[in-house]
Amino acid sequence: MTPAAGAPGIGGYDAIVLAGGRASRLGGIDKTALTIDGTSLAARAVGAVSGARAVAYVSSAPPPRWVLAERRIRVAAEDPPWSGPVAAIAAGLEGLADDARPFTVVLAGDLVGAAPAVAHLLARVAQTIDGVVGVDPVGFAQPLLAVYRTPALRAAVVEVQAMTRRAPSAGGRGASMGAVLARLQLRGVALKESWCADVDTPDDAVRHGIVLPTGEVRRVRVA
């Protein structure tokens, strides 16, 4: 098997792009459709994993047309909708299960410049037990900017989802990403601030030169 581009020695990788957040601090818009220099955040995220065999694009909203047209992208949705990153990762893993690669990149769909981060993480994952997770300059782990060994990630997600379903105290809340991480032996890798930057707030949008939609166009998805 020929290693994927930018991922020497790991036998290739798949990717999951999580594009289905509620964007509550941005008024519920489809923030992955926001553009920087004419390119949407969703397209930037998919482009950051250009060496992946296949990409699972996970969102509860209908995907843009270009996603449906790209052959290596599999569209998936978390069940139930808006149930959090663990459910989204589970849906992505299911969509990639036909010929899964040894490693899976998990990537938030609102990252501004993740491509160098993905390359940096892939170059360091081969010698780890369960994968690598990005760490921002403040010291916070970024589990949605990470590379996991696929079998380990799948096992942790299945176990945490099962535990959440059994727990009377769950109250319908989604499974915890922290609980998934607690079941994995991951190496933290320091990343530059620009590699971890995302768009969560109007201030973030201004910082990156993004013009937010207003009024009646706020919920229109950019194709």
C-alpha atoms as a PDB file:
ATOM      1  CA  MET A   1       0.000   0.000   0.000  1.00  0.00           C
ATOM      2  CA  THR A   2       1.381   3.405  -0.896  1.00  0.00           C
ATOM      3  CA  PRO A   3       1.283   5.924   1.970  1.00  0.00           C
ATOM      4  CA  ALA A   4      -0.979   8.910   1.438  1.00  0.00           C
ATOM      5  CA  ALA A   5       0.594  12.202   0.488  1.00  0.00           C
ATOM      6  CA  GLY A   6       1.917  14.054   3.511  1.00  0.00           C
ATOM      7  CA  ALA A   7       1.603  10.936   5.700  1.00  0.00           C
ATOM      8  CA  PRO A   8       4.850   8.978   5.335  1.00  0.00           C
ATOM      9  CA  GLY A   9       4.869   5.476   6.745  1.00  0.00           C
ATOM     10  CA  ILE A  10       1.336   5.244   8.153  1.00  0.00           C
ATOM     11  CA  GLY A  11      -0.338   3.285   5.363  1.00  0.00           C
ATOM     12  CA  GLY A  12      -2.834   5.977   4.438  1.00  0.00           C
ATOM     13  CA  TYR A  13      -5.627   7.747   6.234  1.00  0.00           C
ATOM     14  CA  ASP A  14      -9.293   8.674   6.096  1.00  0.00           C
ATOM     15  CA  ALA A  15     -10.802  11.894   7.404  1.00  0.00           C
ATOM     16  CA  ILE A  16     -13.930  13.084   9.174  1.00  0.00           C
ATOM     17  CA  VAL A  17     -14.949  16.725   8.784  1.00  0.00           C
ATOM     18  CA  LEU A  18     -17.462  17.826  11.404  1.00  0.00           C
ATOM     19  CA  ALA A  19     -19.623  20.473   9.746  1.00  0.00           C
ATOM     20  CA  GLY A  20     -22.804  20.264  11.775  1.00  0.00           C
ATOM     21  CA  GLY A  21     -22.520  22.584  14.793  1.00  0.00           C
ATOM     22  CA  ARG A  22     -25.393  24.870  15.763  1.00  0.00           C
ATOM     23  CA  ALA A  23     -23.248  28.056  15.587  1.00  0.00           C
ATOM     24  CA  SER A  24     -25.357  29.538  18.400  1.00  0.00           C
ATOM     25  CA  ARG A  25     -22.912  32.402  18.999  1.00  0.00           C
ATOM     26  CA  LEU A  26     -23.266  33.363  15.335  1.00  0.00           C
ATOM     27  CA  GLY A  27     -27.056  33.316  15.323  1.00  0.00           C
ATOM     28  CA  GLY A  28     -27.454  29.767  14.006  1.00  0.00           C
ATOM     29  CA  ILE A  29     -25.970  30.386  10.553  1.00  0.00           C
ATOM     30  CA  ASP A  30     -24.205  27.713   8.539  1.00  0.00           C
ATOM     31  CA  LYS A  31     -20.755  28.940   9.486  1.00  0.00           C
ATOM     32  CA  THR A  32     -18.964  26.361   7.336  1.00  0.00           C
ATOM     33  CA  ALA A  33     -20.343  28.271   4.339  1.00  0.00           C
ATOM     34  CA  LEU A  34     -18.590  31.478   5.416  1.00  0.00           C
ATOM     35  CA  THR A  35     -15.787  32.401   3.054  1.00  0.00           C
ATOM     36  CA  ILE A  36     -12.237  33.694   3.286  1.00  0.00           C
ATOM     37  CA  ASP A  37     -10.771  34.918   0.007  1.00  0.00           C
ATOM     38  CA  GLY A  38     -13.631  33.260  -1.836  1.00  0.00           C
ATOM     39  CA  THR A  39     -13.178  29.810  -0.276  1.00  0.00           C
ATOM     40  CA  SER A  40     -15.682  28.457   2.257  1.00  0.00           C
ATOM     41  CA  LEU A  41     -14.542  27.114   5.611  1.00  0.00           C
ATOM     42  CA  ALA A  42     -15.961  23.722   4.610  1.00  0.00           C
ATOM     43  CA  ALA A  43     -13.867  23.691   1.445  1.00  0.00           C
ATOM     44  CA  ARG A  44     -10.791  24.692   3.448  1.00  0.00           C
ATOM     45  CA  ALA A  45     -11.362  21.794   5.837  1.00  0.00           C
ATOM     46  CA  VAL A  46     -11.812  19.266   3.042  1.00  0.00           C
ATOM     47  CA  GLY A  47      -8.751  20.675   1.286  1.00  0.00           C
ATOM     48  CA  ALA A  48      -6.710  20.232   4.461  1.00  0.00           C
ATOM     49  CA  VAL A  49      -7.115  16.450   4.107  1.00  0.00           C
ATOM     50  CA  SER A  50      -6.371  16.246   0.400  1.00  0.00           C
ATOM     51  CA  GLY A  51      -4.336  13.068   0.904  1.00  0.00           C
ATOM     52  CA  ALA A  52      -7.191  11.129   2.497  1.00  0.00           C
ATOM     53  CA  ARG A  53      -8.580   8.055   0.767  1.00  0.00           C
ATOM     54  CA  ALA A  54     -12.093   9.200   1.676  1.00  0.00           C
ATOM     55  CA  VAL A  55     -13.666  12.011   3.669  1.00  0.00           C
ATOM     56  CA  ALA A  56     -16.824  11.715   5.761  1.00  0.00           C
ATOM     57  CA  TYR A  57     -18.613  15.077   5.760  1.00  0.00           C
ATOM     58  CA  VAL A  58     -20.881  15.038   8.809  1.00  0.00           C
ATOM     59  CA  SER A  59     -23.704  17.543   9.206  1.00  0.00           C
ATOM     60  CA  SER A  60     -27.346  17.558  10.230  1.00  0.00           C
ATOM     61  CA  ALA A  61     -28.017  20.158   7.527  1.00  0.00           C
ATOM     62  CA  PRO A  62     -28.138  19.393   3.789  1.00  0.00           C
ATOM     63  CA  PRO A  63     -24.605  19.538   2.367  1.00  0.00           C
ATOM     64  CA  PRO A  64     -23.609  22.005  -0.355  1.00  0.00           C
ATOM     65  CA  ARG A  65     -23.683  20.796  -3.962  1.00  0.00           C
ATOM     66  CA  TRP A  66     -19.911  20.638  -4.341  1.00  0.00           C
ATOM     67  CA  VAL A  67     -19.743  18.150  -1.452  1.00  0.00           C
ATOM     68  CA  LEU A  68     -22.293  15.890  -3.141  1.00  0.00           C
ATOM     69  CA  ALA A  69     -20.344  16.102  -6.400  1.00  0.00           C
ATOM     70  CA  GLU A  70     -16.952  15.089  -5.005  1.00  0.00           C
ATOM     71  CA  ARG A  71     -16.521  11.327  -5.298  1.00  0.00           C
ATOM     72  CA  ARG A  72     -14.238  10.812  -2.311  1.00  0.00           C
ATOM     73  CA  ILE A  73     -16.663  12.537   0.095  1.00  0.00           C
ATOM     74  CA  ARG A  74     -19.272  10.470   1.932  1.00  0.00           C
ATOM     75  CA  VAL A  75     -22.107  12.480   3.471  1.00  0.00           C
ATOM     76  CA  ALA A  76     -23.222  11.460   6.947  1.00  0.00           C
ATOM     77  CA  ALA A  77     -25.346  12.876   9.770  1.00  0.00           C
ATOM     78  CA  GLU A  78     -25.207  12.399  13.528  1.00  0.00           C
ATOM     79  CA  ASP A  79     -28.130  10.538  15.107  1.00  0.00           C
ATOM     80  CA  PRO A  80     -30.021  12.223  16.633  1.00  0.00           C
ATOM     81  CA  PRO A  81     -29.290  15.566  14.928  1.00  0.00           C
ATOM     82  CA  TRP A  82     -27.181  18.089  16.849  1.00  0.00           C
ATOM     83  CA  SER A  83     -26.123  15.430  19.365  1.00  0.00           C
ATOM     84  CA  GLY A  84     -22.504  16.453  19.567  1.00  0.00           C
ATOM     85  CA  PRO A  85     -19.060  15.500  18.283  1.00  0.00           C
ATOM     86  CA  VAL A  86     -19.033  11.908  19.534  1.00  0.00           C
ATOM     87  CA  ALA A  87     -22.213  11.071  17.607  1.00  0.00           C
ATOM     88  CA  ALA A  88     -20.810  12.912  14.587  1.00  0.00           C
ATOM     89  CA  ILE A  89     -17.558  10.954  14.730  1.00  0.00           C
ATOM     90  CA  ALA A  90     -19.535   7.717  15.050  1.00  0.00           C
ATOM     91  CA  ALA A  91     -21.504   8.632  11.926  1.00  0.00           C
ATOM     92  CA  GLY A  92     -18.285   9.473  10.103  1.00  0.00           C
ATOM     93  CA  LEU A  93     -16.635   6.202  11.063  1.00  0.00           C
ATOM     94  CA  GLU A  94     -19.678   4.312   9.828  1.00  0.00           C
ATOM     95  CA  GLY A  95     -19.475   6.148   6.520  1.00  0.00           C
ATOM     96  CA  LEU A  96     -15.809   5.200   6.142  1.00  0.00           C
ATOM     97  CA  ALA A  97     -16.093   1.596   7.260  1.00  0.00           C
ATOM     98  CA  ASP A  98     -16.028  -0.010   3.803  1.00  0.00           C
ATOM     99  CA  ASP A  99     -12.237   0.037   3.491  1.00  0.00           C
ATOM    100  CA  ALA A 100     -11.060   1.996   6.509  1.00  0.00           C
ATOM    101  CA  ARG A 101      -7.465   3.168   6.639  1.00  0.00           C
ATOM    102  CA  PRO A 102      -5.321   2.641   9.760  1.00  0.00           C
ATOM    103  CA  PHE A 103      -5.604   6.304  10.755  1.00  0.00           C
ATOM    104  CA  THR A 104      -8.436   8.815  10.761  1.00  0.00           C
ATOM    105  CA  VAL A 105      -8.047  12.593  10.826  1.00  0.00           C
ATOM    106  CA  VAL A 106     -10.833  14.313  12.765  1.00  0.00           C
ATOM    107  CA  LEU A 107     -11.275  17.935  11.812  1.00  0.00           C
ATOM    108  CA  ALA A 108     -13.701  20.656  12.853  1.00  0.00           C
ATOM    109  CA  GLY A 109     -15.332  22.255   9.831  1.00  0.00           C
ATOM    110  CA  ASP A 110     -14.850  25.837  11.045  1.00  0.00           C
ATOM    111  CA  LEU A 111     -11.059  25.862  11.208  1.00  0.00           C
ATOM    112  CA  VAL A 112      -9.461  28.666   9.233  1.00  0.00           C
ATOM    113  CA  GLY A 113      -6.046  27.260   8.354  1.00  0.00           C
ATOM    114  CA  ALA A 114      -5.816  23.615   9.349  1.00  0.00           C
ATOM    115  CA  ALA A 115      -3.810  22.247   6.401  1.00  0.00           C
ATOM    116  CA  PRO A 116      -0.354  22.735   7.962  1.00  0.00           C
ATOM    117  CA  ALA A 117      -1.650  21.379  11.268  1.00  0.00           C
ATOM    118  CA  VAL A 118      -2.887  18.197   9.594  1.00  0.00           C
ATOM    119  CA  ALA A 119       0.462  17.673   7.861  1.00  0.00           C
ATOM    120  CA  HIS A 120       2.299  18.308  11.149  1.00  0.00           C
ATOM    121  CA  LEU A 121       0.146  15.791  13.023  1.00  0.00           C
ATOM    122  CA  LEU A 122       0.344  13.124  10.320  1.00  0.00           C
ATOM    123  CA  ALA A 123       4.132  13.344  10.349  1.00  0.00           C
ATOM    124  CA  ARG A 124       4.144  12.492  14.065  1.00  0.00           C
ATOM    125  CA  VAL A 125       1.430   9.874  14.433  1.00  0.00           C
ATOM    126  CA  ALA A 126       3.239   6.700  13.331  1.00  0.00           C
ATOM    127  CA  GLN A 127       5.145   6.187  16.591  1.00  0.00           C
ATOM    128  CA  THR A 128       2.185   6.764  18.920  1.00  0.00           C
ATOM    129  CA  ILE A 129      -0.107   4.275  20.610  1.00  0.00           C
ATOM    130  CA  ASP A 130      -3.555   5.649  19.758  1.00  0.00           C
ATOM    131  CA  GLY A 131      -2.772   8.873  17.913  1.00  0.00           C
ATOM    132  CA  VAL A 132      -1.913  12.548  18.242  1.00  0.00           C
ATOM    133  CA  VAL A 133      -4.046  15.488  19.310  1.00  0.00           C
ATOM    134  CA  GLY A 134      -3.288  19.117  18.572  1.00  0.00           C
ATOM    135  CA  VAL A 135      -2.516  21.403  21.503  1.00  0.00           C
ATOM    136  CA  ASP A 136      -3.035  25.144  21.071  1.00  0.00           C
ATOM    137  CA  PRO A 137      -0.542  27.745  22.338  1.00  0.00           C
ATOM    138  CA  VAL A 138      -2.587  28.216  25.533  1.00  0.00           C
ATOM    139  CA  GLY A 139      -2.198  24.513  26.310  1.00  0.00           C
ATOM    140  CA  PHE A 140      -5.691  23.244  25.473  1.00  0.00           C
ATOM    141  CA  ALA A 141      -6.054  19.938  23.649  1.00  0.00           C
ATOM    142  CA  GLN A 142      -7.991  20.130  20.386  1.00  0.00           C
ATOM    143  CA  PRO A 143      -9.685  16.729  19.897  1.00  0.00           C
ATOM    144  CA  LEU A 144     -11.301  17.968  16.678  1.00  0.00           C
ATOM    145  CA  LEU A 145      -7.870  18.674  15.242  1.00  0.00           C
ATOM    146  CA  ALA A 146      -6.280  15.291  15.688  1.00  0.00           C
ATOM    147  CA  VAL A 147      -5.217  12.013  14.070  1.00  0.00           C
ATOM    148  CA  TYR A 148      -6.397   8.778  15.669  1.00  0.00           C
ATOM    149  CA  ARG A 149      -5.675   5.128  15.044  1.00  0.00           C
ATOM    150  CA  THR A 150      -8.967   4.099  13.532  1.00  0.00           C
ATOM    151  CA  PRO A 151      -9.625   0.881  15.524  1.00  0.00           C
ATOM    152  CA  ALA A 152      -8.831   2.625  18.834  1.00  0.00           C
ATOM    153  CA  LEU A 153     -11.072   5.593  18.031  1.00  0.00           C
ATOM    154  CA  ARG A 154     -13.919   3.346  16.937  1.00  0.00           C
ATOM    155  CA  ALA A 155     -13.682   1.215  20.100  1.00  0.00           C
ATOM    156  CA  ALA A 156     -13.621   4.263  22.379  1.00  0.00           C
ATOM    157  CA  VAL A 157     -16.597   5.885  20.633  1.00  0.00           C
ATOM    158  CA  VAL A 158     -18.658   2.683  20.780  1.00  0.00           C
ATOM    159  CA  GLU A 159     -17.891   2.195  24.486  1.00  0.00           C
ATOM    160  CA  VAL A 160     -18.705   5.782  25.445  1.00  0.00           C
ATOM    161  CA  GLN A 161     -21.932   5.822  23.459  1.00  0.00           C
ATOM    162  CA  ALA A 162     -23.026   2.574  25.078  1.00  0.00           C
ATOM    163  CA  MET A 163     -22.181   3.916  28.526  1.00  0.00           C
ATOM    164  CA  THR A 164     -24.109   7.133  27.844  1.00  0.00           C
ATOM    165  CA  ARG A 165     -27.202   5.233  26.729  1.00  0.00           C
ATOM    166  CA  ARG A 166     -27.143   3.173  29.939  1.00  0.00           C
ATOM    167  CA  ALA A 167     -26.594   6.104  32.307  1.00  0.00           C
ATOM    168  CA  PRO A 168     -29.863   7.374  33.875  1.00  0.00           C
ATOM    169  CA  SER A 169     -28.150  10.704  34.595  1.00  0.00           C
ATOM    170  CA  ALA A 170     -27.385  11.364  30.928  1.00  0.00           C
ATOM    171  CA  GLY A 171     -30.722  13.133  30.526  1.00  0.00           C
ATOM    172  CA  GLY A 172     -30.579  12.904  26.760  1.00  0.00           C
ATOM    173  CA  ARG A 173     -27.246  14.698  26.544  1.00  0.00           C
ATOM    174  CA  GLY A 174     -24.771  13.543  23.951  1.00  0.00           C
ATOM    175  CA  ALA A 175     -21.756  11.420  24.793  1.00  0.00           C
ATOM    176  CA  SER A 176     -18.714  13.249  26.129  1.00  0.00           C
ATOM    177  CA  MET A 177     -15.672  13.791  23.912  1.00  0.00           C
ATOM    178  CA  GLY A 178     -13.636  13.924  27.114  1.00  0.00           C
ATOM    179  CA  ALA A 179     -14.752  10.393  27.927  1.00  0.00           C
ATOM    180  CA  VAL A 180     -13.549   9.254  24.507  1.00  0.00           C
ATOM    181  CA  LEU A 181     -10.153  10.879  25.028  1.00  0.00           C
ATOM    182  CA  ALA A 182      -9.852   9.274  28.464  1.00  0.00           C
ATOM    183  CA  ARG A 183      -9.924   5.842  26.800  1.00  0.00           C
ATOM    184  CA  LEU A 184      -7.109   6.650  24.387  1.00  0.00           C
ATOM    185  CA  GLN A 185      -3.361   7.002  24.812  1.00  0.00           C
ATOM    186  CA  LEU A 186      -2.670  10.122  22.806  1.00  0.00           C
ATOM    187  CA  ARG A 187       0.381  12.277  22.331  1.00  0.00           C
ATOM    188  CA  GLY A 188      -0.178  16.019  22.444  1.00  0.00           C
ATOM    189  CA  VAL A 189       1.491  18.004  19.679  1.00  0.00           C
ATOM    190  CA  ALA A 190       1.955  21.765  20.005  1.00  0.00           C
ATOM    191  CA  LEU A 191       0.466  23.748  17.128  1.00  0.00           C
ATOM    192  CA  LYS A 192       0.761  27.361  16.038  1.00  0.00           C
ATOM    193  CA  GLU A 193      -2.111  29.674  16.895  1.00  0.00           C
ATOM    194  CA  SER A 194      -2.986  30.243  13.233  1.00  0.00           C
ATOM    195  CA  TRP A 195      -3.278  26.480  12.696  1.00  0.00           C
ATOM    196  CA  CYS A 196      -5.870  26.155  15.481  1.00  0.00           C
ATOM    197  CA  ALA A 197      -7.903  29.271  14.695  1.00  0.00           C
ATOM    198  CA  ASP A 198     -11.632  28.754  14.244  1.00  0.00           C
ATOM    199  CA  VAL A 199     -14.742  30.874  13.832  1.00  0.00           C
ATOM    200  CA  ASP A 200     -17.023  30.724  16.873  1.00  0.00           C
ATOM    201  CA  THR A 201     -17.975  34.356  17.405  1.00  0.00           C
ATOM    202  CA  PRO A 202     -18.551  37.549  15.418  1.00  0.00           C
ATOM    203  CA  ASP A 203     -15.187  38.787  16.687  1.00  0.00           C
ATOM    204  CA  ASP A 204     -13.520  35.707  15.209  1.00  0.00           C
ATOM    205  CA  ALA A 205     -15.175  36.442  11.885  1.00  0.00           C
ATOM    206  CA  VAL A 206     -13.944  40.046  11.894  1.00  0.00           C
ATOM    207  CA  ARG A 207     -10.430  38.916  12.802  1.00  0.00           C
ATOM    208  CA  HIS A 208     -10.292  36.707   9.724  1.00  0.00           C
ATOM    209  CA  GLY A 209     -11.921  39.165   7.341  1.00  0.00           C
ATOM    210  CA  ILE A 210     -15.207  37.250   7.125  1.00  0.00           C
ATOM    211  CA  VAL A 211     -18.367  39.191   6.348  1.00  0.00           C
ATOM    212  CA  LEU A 212     -21.326  37.704   8.211  1.00  0.00           C
ATOM    213  CA  PRO A 213     -24.709  37.422   6.475  1.00  0.00           C
ATOM    214  CA  THR A 214     -27.543  39.557   7.802  1.00  0.00           C
ATOM    215  CA  GLY A 215     -31.318  39.569   7.880  1.00  0.00           C
ATOM    216  CA  GLU A 216     -33.193  37.213   5.603  1.00  0.00           C
ATOM    217  CA  VAL A 217     -30.009  35.716   4.081  1.00  0.00           C
ATOM    218  CA  ARG A 218     -28.600  34.372   7.349  1.00  0.00           C
ATOM    219  CA  ARG A 219     -29.800  30.824   6.817  1.00  0.00           C
ATOM    220  CA  VAL A 220     -29.043  30.498   3.138  1.00  0.00           C
ATOM    221  CA  ARG A 221     -26.444  27.819   2.463  1.00  0.00           C
ATOM    222  CA  VAL A 222     -23.732  28.760   0.009  1.00  0.00           C
ATOM    223  CA  ALA A 223     -23.482  26.111  -2.718  1.00  0.00           C
END
